Amino acid sequence: MAKKSMVEREKKRERLVKKYADKRAELNEIIHDQERPMEERFKATLKLAELPRNSSATRLHNRCQLTGRPHAYYRKLKLSRIMLRELGSQGAIPGLVKSSW
């Protein structure tokens, strides 16, 4: 199991990303629009910098849904390799056949 504090921190980041997504998209659109005056684009850049850093989607880290493990993560299943192996052994994942010899 991952530390509870790290899992909670990641959940907080997810909430912030969701909360500020529209505002960030709007500011990024202004910043990248070459037709707008340079001064307006610079103001938008400063506004974007004022937003919380954790509201950026690049700050998110994939974690196992069951254990919170950050490494060896399978995106399609949202599980770590360890939980994938355990659930596969139990036959809980449809279509997965675990071989042993």
N, C-alpha and C. Protein backbone atom coordinates (compact mmCIF):
# COMPACT_ATOMS: atom_id res chain seq x y z
N MET A 1 0.83 -1.20 0.00
CA MET A 1 0.00 0.00 0.00
C MET A 1 0.87 1.25 0.00
N ALA A 2 0.43 2.24 -0.74
CA ALA A 2 1.12 3.53 -0.76
C ALA A 2 0.74 4.31 0.49
N LYS A 3 1.57 5.30 0.81
CA LYS A 3 1.26 6.13 1.96
C LYS A 3 -0.07 6.84 1.73
N LYS A 4 -0.88 6.87 2.75
CA LYS A 4 -2.21 7.49 2.65
C LYS A 4 -2.09 8.96 2.24
N SER A 5 -1.09 9.65 2.78
CA SER A 5 -0.92 11.07 2.48
C SER A 5 -0.64 11.30 1.00
N MET A 6 0.11 10.39 0.38
CA MET A 6 0.44 10.55 -1.03
C MET A 6 -0.80 10.32 -1.91
N VAL A 7 -1.60 9.35 -1.53
CA VAL A 7 -2.83 9.07 -2.27
C VAL A 7 -3.78 10.26 -2.16
N GLU A 8 -3.91 10.81 -0.96
CA GLU A 8 -4.78 11.97 -0.73
C GLU A 8 -4.27 13.20 -1.48
N ARG A 9 -2.97 13.36 -1.53
CA ARG A 9 -2.37 14.49 -2.26
C ARG A 9 -2.70 14.39 -3.75
N GLU A 10 -2.65 13.15 -4.26
CA GLU A 10 -2.97 12.94 -5.67
C GLU A 10 -4.45 13.23 -5.95
N LYS A 11 -5.32 12.86 -5.01
CA LYS A 11 -6.75 13.15 -5.16
C LYS A 11 -6.99 14.65 -5.16
N LYS A 12 -6.25 15.36 -4.31
CA LYS A 12 -6.37 16.82 -4.26
C LYS A 12 -5.95 17.44 -5.59
N ARG A 13 -4.87 16.92 -6.17
CA ARG A 13 -4.42 17.41 -7.47
C ARG A 13 -5.49 17.18 -8.53
N GLU A 14 -6.12 16.01 -8.50
CA GLU A 14 -7.18 15.70 -9.47
C GLU A 14 -8.34 16.68 -9.35
N ARG A 15 -8.71 17.01 -8.11
CA ARG A 15 -9.79 17.98 -7.89
C ARG A 15 -9.41 19.35 -8.44
N LEU A 16 -8.16 19.78 -8.19
CA LEU A 16 -7.71 21.09 -8.67
C LEU A 16 -7.65 21.14 -10.19
N VAL A 17 -7.20 20.06 -10.81
CA VAL A 17 -7.13 20.02 -12.28
C VAL A 17 -8.53 20.18 -12.85
N LYS A 18 -9.49 19.46 -12.27
CA LYS A 18 -10.87 19.53 -12.74
C LYS A 18 -11.46 20.93 -12.54
N LYS A 19 -11.15 21.52 -11.39
CA LYS A 19 -11.70 22.84 -11.04
C LYS A 19 -11.21 23.95 -11.98
N TYR A 20 -9.92 23.92 -12.32
CA TYR A 20 -9.32 25.01 -13.10
C TYR A 20 -9.16 24.68 -14.58
N ALA A 21 -9.66 23.54 -15.03
CA ALA A 21 -9.44 23.13 -16.43
C ALA A 21 -9.97 24.15 -17.43
N ASP A 22 -11.19 24.65 -17.22
CA ASP A 22 -11.77 25.60 -18.17
C ASP A 22 -10.99 26.91 -18.21
N LYS A 23 -10.62 27.40 -17.03
CA LYS A 23 -9.89 28.65 -16.95
C LYS A 23 -8.52 28.53 -17.61
N ARG A 24 -7.85 27.41 -17.37
CA ARG A 24 -6.54 27.17 -17.98
C ARG A 24 -6.64 27.09 -19.50
N ALA A 25 -7.66 26.39 -19.99
CA ALA A 25 -7.84 26.26 -21.43
C ALA A 25 -8.10 27.62 -22.07
N GLU A 26 -8.92 28.43 -21.42
CA GLU A 26 -9.23 29.77 -21.93
C GLU A 26 -7.97 30.63 -21.99
N LEU A 27 -7.17 30.63 -20.92
CA LEU A 27 -5.94 31.43 -20.89
C LEU A 27 -4.93 30.93 -21.93
N ASN A 28 -4.80 29.62 -22.06
CA ASN A 28 -3.88 29.06 -23.05
C ASN A 28 -4.29 29.42 -24.47
N GLU A 29 -5.59 29.48 -24.70
CA GLU A 29 -6.10 29.87 -26.02
C GLU A 29 -5.70 31.31 -26.33
N ILE A 30 -5.82 32.18 -25.34
CA ILE A 30 -5.43 33.59 -25.52
C ILE A 30 -3.93 33.69 -25.77
N ILE A 31 -3.15 32.96 -24.99
CA ILE A 31 -1.68 33.02 -25.09
C ILE A 31 -1.19 32.57 -26.47
N HIS A 32 -1.80 31.54 -27.03
CA HIS A 32 -1.33 30.98 -28.30
C HIS A 32 -1.97 31.63 -29.53
N ASP A 33 -2.89 32.57 -29.33
CA ASP A 33 -3.55 33.25 -30.45
C ASP A 33 -2.65 34.39 -30.93
N GLN A 34 -2.05 34.20 -32.10
CA GLN A 34 -1.11 35.18 -32.65
C GLN A 34 -1.79 36.48 -33.10
N GLU A 35 -3.11 36.44 -33.29
CA GLU A 35 -3.86 37.61 -33.75
C GLU A 35 -4.04 38.65 -32.63
N ARG A 36 -4.00 38.22 -31.40
CA ARG A 36 -4.22 39.14 -30.27
C ARG A 36 -2.96 39.99 -30.03
N PRO A 37 -3.16 41.17 -29.42
CA PRO A 37 -2.00 42.02 -29.13
C PRO A 37 -1.07 41.36 -28.11
N MET A 38 0.21 41.68 -28.21
CA MET A 38 1.23 41.08 -27.34
C MET A 38 0.96 41.38 -25.87
N GLU A 39 0.46 42.57 -25.59
CA GLU A 39 0.20 42.98 -24.21
C GLU A 39 -0.89 42.10 -23.57
N GLU A 40 -1.93 41.84 -24.33
CA GLU A 40 -3.03 40.99 -23.83
C GLU A 40 -2.54 39.56 -23.58
N ARG A 41 -1.70 39.06 -24.49
CA ARG A 41 -1.16 37.71 -24.33
C ARG A 41 -0.25 37.62 -23.11
N PHE A 42 0.51 38.68 -22.86
CA PHE A 42 1.40 38.70 -21.70
C PHE A 42 0.59 38.71 -20.40
N LYS A 43 -0.50 39.49 -20.38
CA LYS A 43 -1.38 39.52 -19.20
C LYS A 43 -1.99 38.14 -18.94
N ALA A 44 -2.35 37.46 -20.01
CA ALA A 44 -2.90 36.10 -19.87
C ALA A 44 -1.85 35.15 -19.31
N THR A 45 -0.60 35.34 -19.71
CA THR A 45 0.50 34.52 -19.19
C THR A 45 0.65 34.74 -17.69
N LEU A 46 0.57 35.98 -17.26
CA LEU A 46 0.69 36.30 -15.84
C LEU A 46 -0.49 35.71 -15.05
N LYS A 47 -1.68 35.78 -15.62
CA LYS A 47 -2.87 35.19 -14.97
C LYS A 47 -2.70 33.68 -14.82
N LEU A 48 -2.17 33.04 -15.87
CA LEU A 48 -1.95 31.60 -15.84
C LEU A 48 -0.93 31.24 -14.75
N ALA A 49 0.07 32.08 -14.58
CA ALA A 49 1.09 31.83 -13.56
C ALA A 49 0.54 31.98 -12.15
N GLU A 50 -0.54 32.75 -11.99
CA GLU A 50 -1.15 32.96 -10.67
C GLU A 50 -1.97 31.74 -10.21
N LEU A 51 -2.38 30.90 -11.17
CA LEU A 51 -3.16 29.72 -10.81
C LEU A 51 -2.28 28.74 -10.02
N PRO A 52 -2.90 27.90 -9.19
CA PRO A 52 -2.10 26.92 -8.43
C PRO A 52 -1.34 25.98 -9.35
N ARG A 53 -0.12 25.68 -8.98
CA ARG A 53 0.70 24.79 -9.81
C ARG A 53 0.08 23.41 -9.92
N ASN A 54 -0.54 22.95 -8.84
CA ASN A 54 -1.14 21.62 -8.85
C ASN A 54 -2.40 21.54 -9.70
N SER A 55 -2.82 22.66 -10.28
CA SER A 55 -3.99 22.62 -11.15
C SER A 55 -3.61 22.29 -12.59
N SER A 56 -2.32 22.06 -12.83
CA SER A 56 -1.86 21.67 -14.15
C SER A 56 -1.97 20.15 -14.31
N ALA A 57 -2.48 19.71 -15.44
CA ALA A 57 -2.70 18.27 -15.67
C ALA A 57 -1.39 17.50 -15.72
N THR A 58 -0.28 18.17 -16.03
CA THR A 58 1.00 17.46 -16.08
C THR A 58 1.49 17.06 -14.70
N ARG A 59 0.91 17.62 -13.66
CA ARG A 59 1.29 17.27 -12.29
C ARG A 59 0.69 15.95 -11.84
N LEU A 60 -0.32 15.46 -12.55
CA LEU A 60 -0.98 14.22 -12.14
C LEU A 60 -0.06 13.02 -12.39
N HIS A 61 -0.19 12.03 -11.51
CA HIS A 61 0.59 10.81 -11.65
C HIS A 61 -0.36 9.62 -11.57
N ASN A 62 -0.22 8.68 -12.48
CA ASN A 62 -1.09 7.51 -12.46
C ASN A 62 -0.78 6.64 -11.25
N ARG A 63 -1.84 6.20 -10.57
CA ARG A 63 -1.68 5.33 -9.40
C ARG A 63 -2.66 4.17 -9.50
N CYS A 64 -2.27 3.04 -8.92
CA CYS A 64 -3.12 1.86 -8.87
C CYS A 64 -4.39 2.20 -8.09
N GLN A 65 -5.55 1.79 -8.62
CA GLN A 65 -6.83 2.09 -7.98
C GLN A 65 -6.98 1.37 -6.64
N LEU A 66 -6.35 0.23 -6.48
CA LEU A 66 -6.52 -0.56 -5.27
C LEU A 66 -5.49 -0.25 -4.20
N THR A 67 -4.23 -0.10 -4.61
CA THR A 67 -3.18 0.09 -3.61
C THR A 67 -2.58 1.49 -3.59
N GLY A 68 -2.73 2.23 -4.68
CA GLY A 68 -2.13 3.57 -4.75
C GLY A 68 -0.69 3.55 -5.22
N ARG A 69 -0.20 2.38 -5.63
CA ARG A 69 1.19 2.25 -6.08
C ARG A 69 1.41 3.09 -7.34
N PRO A 70 2.48 3.93 -7.35
CA PRO A 70 2.70 4.82 -8.49
C PRO A 70 3.49 4.20 -9.65
N HIS A 71 4.21 3.12 -9.40
CA HIS A 71 5.05 2.53 -10.45
C HIS A 71 4.42 1.25 -10.99
N ALA A 72 4.91 0.80 -12.16
CA ALA A 72 4.44 -0.42 -12.81
C ALA A 72 2.93 -0.41 -12.93
N TYR A 73 2.43 0.64 -13.59
CA TYR A 73 0.99 0.90 -13.71
C TYR A 73 0.51 0.56 -15.11
N TYR A 74 -0.54 -0.24 -15.20
CA TYR A 74 -1.16 -0.57 -16.49
C TYR A 74 -2.34 0.38 -16.71
N ARG A 75 -2.23 1.27 -17.67
CA ARG A 75 -3.25 2.29 -17.90
C ARG A 75 -4.61 1.70 -18.24
N LYS A 76 -4.61 0.68 -19.07
CA LYS A 76 -5.87 0.10 -19.53
C LYS A 76 -6.68 -0.48 -18.38
N LEU A 77 -5.99 -1.05 -17.39
CA LEU A 77 -6.67 -1.69 -16.26
C LEU A 77 -6.69 -0.82 -15.00
N LYS A 78 -5.88 0.24 -15.00
CA LYS A 78 -5.73 1.13 -13.85
C LYS A 78 -5.28 0.37 -12.60
N LEU A 79 -4.37 -0.60 -12.83
CA LEU A 79 -3.84 -1.43 -11.75
C LEU A 79 -2.32 -1.49 -11.85
N SER A 80 -1.68 -1.77 -10.73
CA SER A 80 -0.24 -2.01 -10.74
C SER A 80 0.01 -3.45 -11.12
N ARG A 81 1.25 -3.78 -11.44
CA ARG A 81 1.60 -5.13 -11.87
C ARG A 81 1.32 -6.15 -10.78
N ILE A 82 1.50 -5.75 -9.53
CA ILE A 82 1.31 -6.67 -8.40
C ILE A 82 -0.17 -7.04 -8.26
N MET A 83 -1.04 -6.04 -8.31
CA MET A 83 -2.47 -6.31 -8.19
C MET A 83 -2.99 -7.05 -9.43
N LEU A 84 -2.42 -6.74 -10.59
CA LEU A 84 -2.81 -7.45 -11.80
C LEU A 84 -2.50 -8.94 -11.65
N ARG A 85 -1.35 -9.23 -11.13
CA ARG A 85 -0.93 -10.63 -10.92
C ARG A 85 -1.85 -11.33 -9.92
N GLU A 86 -2.14 -10.65 -8.79
CA GLU A 86 -3.00 -11.24 -7.76
C GLU A 86 -4.41 -11.50 -8.29
N LEU A 87 -4.99 -10.47 -8.92
CA LEU A 87 -6.36 -10.62 -9.43
C LEU A 87 -6.41 -11.63 -10.58
N GLY A 88 -5.34 -11.69 -11.38
CA GLY A 88 -5.27 -12.67 -12.45
C GLY A 88 -5.23 -14.09 -11.90
N SER A 89 -4.51 -14.28 -10.81
CA SER A 89 -4.43 -15.61 -10.18
C SER A 89 -5.78 -16.04 -9.62
N GLN A 90 -6.55 -15.07 -9.15
CA GLN A 90 -7.87 -15.36 -8.58
C GLN A 90 -8.92 -15.54 -9.67
N GLY A 91 -8.58 -15.14 -10.90
CA GLY A 91 -9.54 -15.23 -12.00
C GLY A 91 -10.54 -14.09 -11.99
N ALA A 92 -10.17 -12.96 -11.39
CA ALA A 92 -11.08 -11.83 -11.27
C ALA A 92 -11.06 -10.91 -12.48
N ILE A 93 -10.08 -11.09 -13.37
CA ILE A 93 -9.99 -10.23 -14.55
C ILE A 93 -10.44 -11.04 -15.77
N PRO A 94 -11.56 -10.65 -16.40
CA PRO A 94 -12.06 -11.41 -17.55
C PRO A 94 -11.08 -11.38 -18.71
N GLY A 95 -10.86 -12.54 -19.31
CA GLY A 95 -10.01 -12.65 -20.48
C GLY A 95 -8.53 -12.81 -20.15
N LEU A 96 -8.15 -12.74 -18.89
CA LEU A 96 -6.75 -12.88 -18.52
C LEU A 96 -6.51 -14.30 -18.02
N VAL A 97 -5.57 -14.97 -18.67
CA VAL A 97 -5.23 -16.34 -18.26
C VAL A 97 -3.80 -16.30 -17.78
N LYS A 98 -3.61 -16.61 -16.53
CA LYS A 98 -2.28 -16.59 -15.95
C LYS A 98 -1.66 -17.98 -16.08
N SER A 99 -0.51 -18.02 -16.71
CA SER A 99 0.14 -19.32 -16.90
C SER A 99 1.08 -19.60 -15.74
N SER A 100 1.20 -20.86 -15.39
CA SER A 100 2.18 -21.29 -14.41
C SER A 100 2.67 -22.66 -14.81
N TRP A 101 3.98 -22.88 -14.76
CA TRP A 101 4.51 -24.17 -15.15
C TRP A 101 5.65 -24.58 -14.27
